[in-house]
């Protein structure tokens, strides 16, 4: 396997493999879902959910960004790469300006 045009430091907290990063974050959110609702999430349940509800409801953009940041921090993942992948990078940039 050849790598062209990219470099990665050994032990770097920044991963160029967004698939692996998303799996790590999904695992964290899965466990939080299980702790909150007492069951495993179903295929239609949001992993980024509004924590104020007793039933799984999709989180608003601000709460979702906070949950992504928490999960990225817990998994030592690159927050902005995840935000770009999820289409939330503009929101994260606006929050940084505040």
PDB file of N, CA and C in Angstrom:
ATOM      1  N   UNK A   1       0.841  -1.170   0.000  1.00  0.00           N
ATOM      2  CA  UNK A   1       0.000   0.000   0.000  1.00  0.00           C
ATOM      3  C   UNK A   1       0.890   1.238   0.000  1.00  0.00           C
ATOM      4  N   UNK A   2       0.644   2.130  -0.921  1.00  0.00           N
ATOM      5  CA  UNK A   2       1.439   3.339  -1.037  1.00  0.00           C
ATOM      6  C   UNK A   2       0.637   4.543  -0.594  1.00  0.00           C
ATOM      7  N   UNK A   3       1.304   5.454   0.043  1.00  0.00           N
ATOM      8  CA  UNK A   3       0.675   6.701   0.451  1.00  0.00           C
ATOM      9  C   UNK A   3       1.240   7.823  -0.391  1.00  0.00           C
ATOM     10  N   UNK A   4       0.358   8.536  -1.058  1.00  0.00           N
ATOM     11  CA  UNK A   4       0.818   9.619  -1.919  1.00  0.00           C
ATOM     12  C   UNK A   4       0.263  10.947  -1.421  1.00  0.00           C
ATOM     13  N   UNK A   5       1.142  11.886  -1.193  1.00  0.00           N
ATOM     14  CA  UNK A   5       0.712  13.227  -0.870  1.00  0.00           C
ATOM     15  C   UNK A   5       0.216  13.440   0.545  1.00  0.00           C
ATOM     16  N   UNK A   6       0.349  12.448   1.395  1.00  0.00           N
ATOM     17  CA  UNK A   6      -0.065  12.622   2.782  1.00  0.00           C
ATOM     18  C   UNK A   6       1.052  12.159   3.691  1.00  0.00           C
ATOM     19  N   UNK A   7       1.059  12.691   4.859  1.00  0.00           N
ATOM     20  CA  UNK A   7       2.011  12.222   5.857  1.00  0.00           C
ATOM     21  C   UNK A   7       1.281  12.122   7.178  1.00  0.00           C
ATOM     22  N   UNK A   8       1.753  11.247   8.001  1.00  0.00           N
ATOM     23  CA  UNK A   8       1.140  11.057   9.312  1.00  0.00           C
ATOM     24  C   UNK A   8       2.250  10.819  10.317  1.00  0.00           C
ATOM     25  N   UNK A   9       2.191  11.542  11.428  1.00  0.00           N
ATOM     26  CA  UNK A   9       3.165  11.328  12.487  1.00  0.00           C
ATOM     27  C   UNK A   9       2.739  10.125  13.304  1.00  0.00           C
ATOM     28  N   UNK A  10       3.688   9.334  13.685  1.00  0.00           N
ATOM     29  CA  UNK A  10       3.386   8.207  14.552  1.00  0.00           C
ATOM     30  C   UNK A  10       2.885   8.739  15.879  1.00  0.00           C
ATOM     31  N   UNK A  11       1.756   8.208  16.334  1.00  0.00           N
ATOM     32  CA  UNK A  11       1.189   8.637  17.598  1.00  0.00           C
ATOM     33  C   UNK A  11       0.416   9.938  17.510  1.00  0.00           C
ATOM     34  N   UNK A  12       0.240  10.465  16.329  1.00  0.00           N
ATOM     35  CA  UNK A  12      -0.487  11.721  16.166  1.00  0.00           C
ATOM     36  C   UNK A  12      -1.934  11.559  16.570  1.00  0.00           C
ATOM     37  N   UNK A  13      -2.504  12.586  17.214  1.00  0.00           N
ATOM     38  CA  UNK A  13      -3.914  12.532  17.580  1.00  0.00           C
ATOM     39  C   UNK A  13      -4.804  12.856  16.401  1.00  0.00           C
ATOM     40  N   UNK A  14      -4.215  13.289  15.282  1.00  0.00           N
ATOM     41  CA  UNK A  14      -5.000  13.644  14.108  1.00  0.00           C
ATOM     42  C   UNK A  14      -4.973  12.501  13.113  1.00  0.00           C
ATOM     43  N   UNK A  15      -6.126  11.990  12.802  1.00  0.00           N
ATOM     44  CA  UNK A  15      -6.239  10.853  11.903  1.00  0.00           C
ATOM     45  C   UNK A  15      -6.769  11.308  10.558  1.00  0.00           C
ATOM     46  N   UNK A  16      -6.176  10.802   9.500  1.00  0.00           N
ATOM     47  CA  UNK A  16      -6.670  11.103   8.158  1.00  0.00           C
ATOM     48  C   UNK A  16      -7.716  10.080   7.743  1.00  0.00           C
ATOM     49  N   UNK A  17      -7.990   9.132   8.592  1.00  0.00           N
ATOM     50  CA  UNK A  17      -8.972   8.102   8.287  1.00  0.00           C
ATOM     51  C   UNK A  17     -10.286   8.460   8.963  1.00  0.00           C
ATOM     52  N   UNK A  18     -11.136   9.199   8.260  1.00  0.00           N
ATOM     53  CA  UNK A  18     -12.374   9.690   8.847  1.00  0.00           C
ATOM     54  C   UNK A  18     -13.316   8.541   9.211  1.00  0.00           C
ATOM     55  N   UNK A  19     -13.237   7.444   8.491  1.00  0.00           N
ATOM     56  CA  UNK A  19     -14.088   6.296   8.805  1.00  0.00           C
ATOM     57  C   UNK A  19     -13.790   5.741  10.185  1.00  0.00           C
ATOM     58  N   UNK A  20     -12.536   5.555  10.493  1.00  0.00           N
ATOM     59  CA  UNK A  20     -12.138   5.058  11.809  1.00  0.00           C
ATOM     60  C   UNK A  20     -12.489   6.072  12.894  1.00  0.00           C
ATOM     61  N   UNK A  21     -12.268   7.327  12.606  1.00  0.00           N
ATOM     62  CA  UNK A  21     -12.606   8.384  13.548  1.00  0.00           C
ATOM     63  C   UNK A  21     -14.099   8.382  13.859  1.00  0.00           C
ATOM     64  N   UNK A  22     -14.927   8.268  12.834  1.00  0.00           N
ATOM     65  CA  UNK A  22     -16.378   8.261  13.038  1.00  0.00           C
ATOM     66  C   UNK A  22     -16.819   7.027  13.823  1.00  0.00           C
ATOM     67  N   UNK A  23     -16.167   5.889  13.606  1.00  0.00           N
ATOM     68  CA  UNK A  23     -16.493   4.693  14.393  1.00  0.00           C
ATOM     69  C   UNK A  23     -16.181   4.901  15.872  1.00  0.00           C
ATOM     70  N   UNK A  24     -15.060   5.536  16.166  1.00  0.00           N
ATOM     71  CA  UNK A  24     -14.704   5.816  17.562  1.00  0.00           C
ATOM     72  C   UNK A  24     -15.736   6.733  18.205  1.00  0.00           C
ATOM     73  N   UNK A  25     -16.121   7.769  17.478  1.00  0.00           N
ATOM     74  CA  UNK A  25     -17.093   8.720  18.003  1.00  0.00           C
ATOM     75  C   UNK A  25     -18.461   8.062  18.151  1.00  0.00           C
ATOM     76  N   UNK A  26     -18.840   7.239  17.182  1.00  0.00           N
ATOM     77  CA  UNK A  26     -20.120   6.532  17.269  1.00  0.00           C
ATOM     78  C   UNK A  26     -20.133   5.611  18.487  1.00  0.00           C
ATOM     79  N   UNK A  27     -19.018   4.968  18.789  1.00  0.00           N
ATOM     80  CA  UNK A  27     -18.946   4.085  19.961  1.00  0.00           C
ATOM     81  C   UNK A  27     -19.190   4.876  21.245  1.00  0.00           C
ATOM     82  N   UNK A  28     -18.582   6.052  21.344  1.00  0.00           N
ATOM     83  CA  UNK A  28     -18.791   6.900  22.526  1.00  0.00           C
ATOM     84  C   UNK A  28     -20.252   7.302  22.628  1.00  0.00           C
ATOM     85  N   UNK A  29     -20.825   7.771  21.527  1.00  0.00           N
ATOM     86  CA  UNK A  29     -22.216   8.223  21.536  1.00  0.00           C
ATOM     87  C   UNK A  29     -23.170   7.055  21.786  1.00  0.00           C
ATOM     88  N   UNK A  30     -22.834   5.862  21.308  1.00  0.00           N
ATOM     89  CA  UNK A  30     -23.631   4.663  21.543  1.00  0.00           C
ATOM     90  C   UNK A  30     -23.733   4.384  23.038  1.00  0.00           C
ATOM     91  N   UNK A  31     -22.601   4.457  23.715  1.00  0.00           N
ATOM     92  CA  UNK A  31     -22.577   4.204  25.161  1.00  0.00           C
ATOM     93  C   UNK A  31     -23.367   5.267  25.912  1.00  0.00           C
ATOM     94  N   UNK A  32     -23.277   6.511  25.480  1.00  0.00           N
ATOM     95  CA  UNK A  32     -24.035   7.585  26.124  1.00  0.00           C
ATOM     96  C   UNK A  32     -25.528   7.384  25.887  1.00  0.00           C
ATOM     97  N   UNK A  33     -25.894   6.955  24.687  1.00  0.00           N
ATOM     98  CA  UNK A  33     -27.296   6.663  24.380  1.00  0.00           C
ATOM     99  C   UNK A  33     -27.811   5.569  25.310  1.00  0.00           C
ATOM    100  N   UNK A  34     -27.028   4.496  25.436  1.00  0.00           N
ATOM    101  CA  UNK A  34     -27.421   3.375  26.286  1.00  0.00           C
ATOM    102  C   UNK A  34     -27.596   3.820  27.740  1.00  0.00           C
ATOM    103  N   UNK A  35     -26.684   4.655  28.226  1.00  0.00           N
ATOM    104  CA  UNK A  35     -26.778   5.136  29.611  1.00  0.00           C
ATOM    105  C   UNK A  35     -28.006   6.026  29.800  1.00  0.00           C
ATOM    106  N   UNK A  36     -28.329   6.836  28.820  1.00  0.00           N
ATOM    107  CA  UNK A  36     -29.459   7.767  28.938  1.00  0.00           C
ATOM    108  C   UNK A  36     -30.806   7.056  28.831  1.00  0.00           C
ATOM    109  N   UNK A  37     -30.943   6.163  27.841  1.00  0.00           N
ATOM    110  CA  UNK A  37     -32.256   5.580  27.555  1.00  0.00           C
ATOM    111  C   UNK A  37     -32.413   4.134  28.017  1.00  0.00           C
ATOM    112  N   UNK A  38     -31.357   3.531  28.563  1.00  0.00           N
ATOM    113  CA  UNK A  38     -31.451   2.187  29.109  1.00  0.00           C
ATOM    114  C   UNK A  38     -31.603   1.092  28.075  1.00  0.00           C
ATOM    115  N   UNK A  39     -31.223   1.387  26.841  1.00  0.00           N
ATOM    116  CA  UNK A  39     -31.310   0.389  25.767  1.00  0.00           C
ATOM    117  C   UNK A  39     -30.327   0.764  24.670  1.00  0.00           C
ATOM    118  N   UNK A  40     -30.076  -0.186  23.790  1.00  0.00           N
ATOM    119  CA  UNK A  40     -29.237   0.105  22.637  1.00  0.00           C
ATOM    120  C   UNK A  40     -30.024   0.935  21.628  1.00  0.00           C
ATOM    121  N   UNK A  41     -29.337   1.826  20.905  1.00  0.00           N
ATOM    122  CA  UNK A  41     -30.055   2.597  19.888  1.00  0.00           C
ATOM    123  C   UNK A  41     -30.491   1.705  18.732  1.00  0.00           C
ATOM    124  N   UNK A  42     -31.658   2.003  18.202  1.00  0.00           N
ATOM    125  CA  UNK A  42     -32.145   1.312  17.017  1.00  0.00           C
ATOM    126  C   UNK A  42     -31.610   1.981  15.766  1.00  0.00           C
ATOM    127  N   UNK A  43     -31.883   1.409  14.609  1.00  0.00           N
ATOM    128  CA  UNK A  43     -31.348   1.956  13.359  1.00  0.00           C
ATOM    129  C   UNK A  43     -31.842   3.369  13.041  1.00  0.00           C
ATOM    130  N   UNK A  44     -32.980   3.764  13.577  1.00  0.00           N
ATOM    131  CA  UNK A  44     -33.512   5.096  13.309  1.00  0.00           C
ATOM    132  C   UNK A  44     -33.314   6.067  14.469  1.00  0.00           C
ATOM    133  N   UNK A  45     -32.639   5.638  15.529  1.00  0.00           N
ATOM    134  CA  UNK A  45     -32.398   6.500  16.683  1.00  0.00           C
ATOM    135  C   UNK A  45     -31.160   7.371  16.441  1.00  0.00           C
ATOM    136  N   UNK A  46     -31.234   8.645  16.838  1.00  0.00           N
ATOM    137  CA  UNK A  46     -30.073   9.532  16.666  1.00  0.00           C
ATOM    138  C   UNK A  46     -29.021   9.293  17.748  1.00  0.00           C
ATOM    139  N   UNK A  47     -27.759   9.200  17.342  1.00  0.00           N
ATOM    140  CA  UNK A  47     -26.680   9.108  18.328  1.00  0.00           C
ATOM    141  C   UNK A  47     -26.364  10.481  18.907  1.00  0.00           C
ATOM    142  N   UNK A  48     -26.676  11.523  18.156  1.00  0.00           N
ATOM    143  CA  UNK A  48     -26.541  12.893  18.643  1.00  0.00           C
ATOM    144  C   UNK A  48     -27.954  13.357  18.961  1.00  0.00           C
ATOM    145  N   UNK A  49     -28.318  13.231  20.240  1.00  0.00           N
ATOM    146  CA  UNK A  49     -29.701  13.452  20.641  1.00  0.00           C
ATOM    147  C   UNK A  49     -29.794  14.604  21.637  1.00  0.00           C
ATOM    148  N   UNK A  50     -30.993  15.154  21.735  1.00  0.00           N
ATOM    149  CA  UNK A  50     -31.281  16.228  22.679  1.00  0.00           C
ATOM    150  C   UNK A  50     -31.370  15.616  24.071  1.00  0.00           C
ATOM    151  N   UNK A  51     -30.446  15.957  24.919  1.00  0.00           N
ATOM    152  CA  UNK A  51     -30.360  15.332  26.244  1.00  0.00           C
ATOM    153  C   UNK A  51     -31.474  15.767  27.190  1.00  0.00           C
ATOM    154  N   UNK A  52     -32.270  16.746  26.809  1.00  0.00           N
ATOM    155  CA  UNK A  52     -33.359  17.224  27.660  1.00  0.00           C
ATOM    156  C   UNK A  52     -34.638  16.400  27.504  1.00  0.00           C
ATOM    157  N   UNK A  53     -34.674  15.514  26.518  1.00  0.00           N
ATOM    158  CA  UNK A  53     -35.871  14.713  26.266  1.00  0.00           C
ATOM    159  C   UNK A  53     -35.717  13.310  26.843  1.00  0.00           C
ATOM    160  N   UNK A  54     -36.847  12.699  27.198  1.00  0.00           N
ATOM    161  CA  UNK A  54     -36.846  11.330  27.713  1.00  0.00           C
ATOM    162  C   UNK A  54     -36.835  10.289  26.609  1.00  0.00           C
ATOM    163  N   UNK A  55     -37.106  10.724  25.397  1.00  0.00           N
ATOM    164  CA  UNK A  55     -37.062   9.854  24.218  1.00  0.00           C
ATOM    165  C   UNK A  55     -36.022  10.418  23.262  1.00  0.00           C
ATOM    166  N   UNK A  56     -35.416   9.558  22.430  1.00  0.00           N
ATOM    167  CA  UNK A  56     -34.390  10.054  21.506  1.00  0.00           C
ATOM    168  C   UNK A  56     -34.968  11.036  20.476  1.00  0.00           C
ATOM    169  N   UNK A  57     -34.485  12.267  20.525  1.00  0.00           N
ATOM    170  CA  UNK A  57     -34.857  13.317  19.594  1.00  0.00           C
ATOM    171  C   UNK A  57     -33.552  13.911  19.073  1.00  0.00           C
ATOM    172  N   UNK A  58     -33.471  14.153  17.790  1.00  0.00           N
ATOM    173  CA  UNK A  58     -32.250  14.697  17.196  1.00  0.00           C
ATOM    174  C   UNK A  58     -31.873  16.006  17.885  1.00  0.00           C
ATOM    175  N   UNK A  59     -30.597  16.127  18.217  1.00  0.00           N
ATOM    176  CA  UNK A  59     -30.089  17.337  18.865  1.00  0.00           C
ATOM    177  C   UNK A  59     -30.084  18.499  17.888  1.00  0.00           C
ATOM    178  N   UNK A  60     -30.224  19.695  18.439  1.00  0.00           N
ATOM    179  CA  UNK A  60     -30.054  20.900  17.642  1.00  0.00           C
ATOM    180  C   UNK A  60     -28.584  21.048  17.268  1.00  0.00           C
ATOM    181  N   UNK A  61     -28.311  21.957  16.360  1.00  0.00           N
ATOM    182  CA  UNK A  61     -26.952  22.121  15.844  1.00  0.00           C
ATOM    183  C   UNK A  61     -25.940  22.443  16.945  1.00  0.00           C
ATOM    184  N   UNK A  62     -26.285  23.338  17.858  1.00  0.00           N
ATOM    185  CA  UNK A  62     -25.344  23.718  18.915  1.00  0.00           C
ATOM    186  C   UNK A  62     -25.038  22.544  19.847  1.00  0.00           C
ATOM    187  N   UNK A  63     -26.074  21.805  20.242  1.00  0.00           N
ATOM    188  CA  UNK A  63     -25.842  20.655  21.122  1.00  0.00           C
ATOM    189  C   UNK A  63     -25.088  19.553  20.383  1.00  0.00           C
ATOM    190  N   UNK A  64     -25.404  19.361  19.104  1.00  0.00           N
ATOM    191  CA  UNK A  64     -24.695  18.348  18.329  1.00  0.00           C
ATOM    192  C   UNK A  64     -23.203  18.692  18.256  1.00  0.00           C
ATOM    193  N   UNK A  65     -22.883  19.952  18.029  1.00  0.00           N
ATOM    194  CA  UNK A  65     -21.477  20.369  17.977  1.00  0.00           C
ATOM    195  C   UNK A  65     -20.787  20.106  19.305  1.00  0.00           C
ATOM    196  N   UNK A  66     -21.470  20.382  20.399  1.00  0.00           N
ATOM    197  CA  UNK A  66     -20.916  20.124  21.722  1.00  0.00           C
ATOM    198  C   UNK A  66     -20.679  18.630  21.936  1.00  0.00           C
ATOM    199  N   UNK A  67     -21.624  17.804  21.502  1.00  0.00           N
ATOM    200  CA  UNK A  67     -21.483  16.355  21.644  1.00  0.00           C
ATOM    201  C   UNK A  67     -20.354  15.824  20.776  1.00  0.00           C
ATOM    202  N   UNK A  68     -20.200  16.380  19.577  1.00  0.00           N
ATOM    203  CA  UNK A  68     -19.085  15.978  18.704  1.00  0.00           C
ATOM    204  C   UNK A  68     -17.762  16.360  19.361  1.00  0.00           C
ATOM    205  N   UNK A  69     -17.691  17.567  19.897  1.00  0.00           N
ATOM    206  CA  UNK A  69     -16.458  18.006  20.555  1.00  0.00           C
ATOM    207  C   UNK A  69     -16.114  17.092  21.725  1.00  0.00           C
ATOM    208  N   UNK A  70     -17.098  16.771  22.555  1.00  0.00           N
ATOM    209  CA  UNK A  70     -16.856  15.892  23.700  1.00  0.00           C
ATOM    210  C   UNK A  70     -16.372  14.515  23.248  1.00  0.00           C
ATOM    211  N   UNK A  71     -17.015  13.955  22.233  1.00  0.00           N
ATOM    212  CA  UNK A  71     -16.637  12.626  21.740  1.00  0.00           C
ATOM    213  C   UNK A  71     -15.267  12.666  21.060  1.00  0.00           C
ATOM    214  N   UNK A  72     -14.985  13.733  20.320  1.00  0.00           N
ATOM    215  CA  UNK A  72     -13.680  13.864  19.667  1.00  0.00           C
ATOM    216  C   UNK A  72     -12.573  13.977  20.704  1.00  0.00           C
ATOM    217  N   UNK A  73     -12.839  14.723  21.751  1.00  0.00           N
ATOM    218  CA  UNK A  73     -11.863  14.863  22.832  1.00  0.00           C
ATOM    219  C   UNK A  73     -11.637  13.517  23.522  1.00  0.00           C
ATOM    220  N   UNK A  74     -12.716  12.803  23.799  1.00  0.00           N
ATOM    221  CA  UNK A  74     -12.610  11.504  24.474  1.00  0.00           C
ATOM    222  C   UNK A  74     -11.838  10.480  23.643  1.00  0.00           C
ATOM    223  N   UNK A  75     -11.943  10.581  22.327  1.00  0.00           N
ATOM    224  CA  UNK A  75     -11.281   9.612  21.452  1.00  0.00           C
ATOM    225  C   UNK A  75      -9.977  10.139  20.858  1.00  0.00           C
ATOM    226  N   UNK A  76      -9.589  11.354  21.301  1.00  0.00           N
ATOM    227  CA  UNK A  76      -8.370  11.993  20.776  1.00  0.00           C
ATOM    228  C   UNK A  76      -8.424  12.116  19.264  1.00  0.00           C
ATOM    229  N   UNK A  77      -9.580  12.550  18.765  1.00  0.00           N
ATOM    230  CA  UNK A  77      -9.807  12.691  17.326  1.00  0.00           C
ATOM    231  C   UNK A  77      -9.765  14.161  16.924  1.00  0.00           C
ATOM    232  N   UNK A  78      -9.571  14.393  15.645  1.00  0.00           N
ATOM    233  CA  UNK A  78      -9.528  15.736  15.096  1.00  0.00           C
ATOM    234  C   UNK A  78     -10.950  16.270  14.952  1.00  0.00           C
ATOM    235  N   UNK A  79     -11.318  17.161  15.846  1.00  0.00           N
ATOM    236  CA  UNK A  79     -12.666  17.728  15.908  1.00  0.00           C
ATOM    237  C   UNK A  79     -13.095  18.356  14.587  1.00  0.00           C
ATOM    238  N   UNK A  80     -12.245  19.171  13.996  1.00  0.00           N
ATOM    239  CA  UNK A  80     -12.643  19.878  12.772  1.00  0.00           C
ATOM    240  C   UNK A  80     -12.824  18.923  11.595  1.00  0.00           C
ATOM    241  N   UNK A  81     -12.062  17.863  11.513  1.00  0.00           N
ATOM    242  CA  UNK A  81     -12.267  16.873  10.448  1.00  0.00           C
ATOM    243  C   UNK A  81     -13.647  16.232  10.576  1.00  0.00           C
ATOM    244  N   UNK A  82     -14.035  15.932  11.793  1.00  0.00           N
ATOM    245  CA  UNK A  82     -15.348  15.341  12.041  1.00  0.00           C
ATOM    246  C   UNK A  82     -16.439  16.353  11.708  1.00  0.00           C
ATOM    247  N   UNK A  83     -16.245  17.589  12.131  1.00  0.00           N
ATOM    248  CA  UNK A  83     -17.245  18.629  11.851  1.00  0.00           C
ATOM    249  C   UNK A  83     -17.416  18.832  10.345  1.00  0.00           C
ATOM    250  N   UNK A  84     -16.320  18.822   9.599  1.00  0.00           N
ATOM    251  CA  UNK A  84     -16.418  18.941   8.134  1.00  0.00           C
ATOM    252  C   UNK A  84     -17.172  17.745   7.562  1.00  0.00           C
ATOM    253  N   UNK A  85     -16.849  16.555   8.035  1.00  0.00           N
ATOM    254  CA  UNK A  85     -17.503  15.345   7.540  1.00  0.00           C
ATOM    255  C   UNK A  85     -19.005  15.382   7.797  1.00  0.00           C
ATOM    256  N   UNK A  86     -19.403  15.903   8.952  1.00  0.00           N
ATOM    257  CA  UNK A  86     -20.820  15.970   9.315  1.00  0.00           C
ATOM    258  C   UNK A  86     -21.527  17.202   8.750  1.00  0.00           C
ATOM    259  N   UNK A  87     -20.782  18.058   8.067  1.00  0.00           N
ATOM    260  CA  UNK A  87     -21.372  19.262   7.497  1.00  0.00           C
ATOM    261  C   UNK A  87     -21.636  20.344   8.525  1.00  0.00           C
ATOM    262  N   UNK A  88     -20.909  20.326   9.627  1.00  0.00           N
ATOM    263  CA  UNK A  88     -21.112  21.281  10.713  1.00  0.00           C
ATOM    264  C   UNK A  88     -19.936  22.234  10.887  1.00  0.00           C
ATOM    265  N   UNK A  89     -19.014  22.243   9.961  1.00  0.00           N
ATOM    266  CA  UNK A  89     -17.804  23.061  10.105  1.00  0.00           C
ATOM    267  C   UNK A  89     -18.132  24.543  10.165  1.00  0.00           C
ATOM    268  N   UNK A  90     -19.119  25.011   9.429  1.00  0.00           N
ATOM    269  CA  UNK A  90     -19.479  26.434   9.469  1.00  0.00           C
ATOM    270  C   UNK A  90     -19.978  26.826  10.851  1.00  0.00           C
ATOM    271  N   UNK A  91     -20.748  25.963  11.484  1.00  0.00           N
ATOM    272  CA  UNK A  91     -21.234  26.242  12.834  1.00  0.00           C
ATOM    273  C   UNK A  91     -20.063  26.313  13.811  1.00  0.00           C
ATOM    274  N   UNK A  92     -19.126  25.392  13.679  1.00  0.00           N
ATOM    275  CA  UNK A  92     -17.974  25.380  14.581  1.00  0.00           C
ATOM    276  C   UNK A  92     -17.148  26.651  14.397  1.00  0.00           C
ATOM    277  N   UNK A  93     -17.013  27.129  13.173  1.00  0.00           N
ATOM    278  CA  UNK A  93     -16.271  28.346  12.914  1.00  0.00           C
ATOM    279  C   UNK A  93     -16.983  29.561  13.527  1.00  0.00           C
ATOM    280  N   UNK A  94     -18.315  29.587  13.430  1.00  0.00           N
ATOM    281  CA  UNK A  94     -19.077  30.695  14.031  1.00  0.00           C
ATOM    282  C   UNK A  94     -18.909  30.683  15.543  1.00  0.00           C
ATOM    283  N   UNK A  95     -18.912  29.497  16.155  1.00  0.00           N
ATOM    284  CA  UNK A  95     -18.753  29.386  17.603  1.00  0.00           C
ATOM    285  C   UNK A  95     -17.369  29.853  18.031  1.00  0.00           C
ATOM    286  N   UNK A  96     -16.359  29.603  17.218  1.00  0.00           N
ATOM    287  CA  UNK A  96     -14.996  30.012  17.539  1.00  0.00           C
ATOM    288  C   UNK A  96     -14.856  31.524  17.511  1.00  0.00           C
ATOM    289  N   UNK A  97     -15.673  32.185  16.693  1.00  0.00           N
ATOM    290  CA  UNK A  97     -15.614  33.646  16.587  1.00  0.00           C
ATOM    291  C   UNK A  97     -16.298  34.335  17.752  1.00  0.00           C
ATOM    292  N   UNK A  98     -17.140  33.609  18.491  1.00  0.00           N
ATOM    293  CA  UNK A  98     -17.909  34.223  19.594  1.00  0.00           C
ATOM    294  C   UNK A  98     -17.060  34.434  20.803  1.00  0.00           C
TER     295      UNK A  98
END
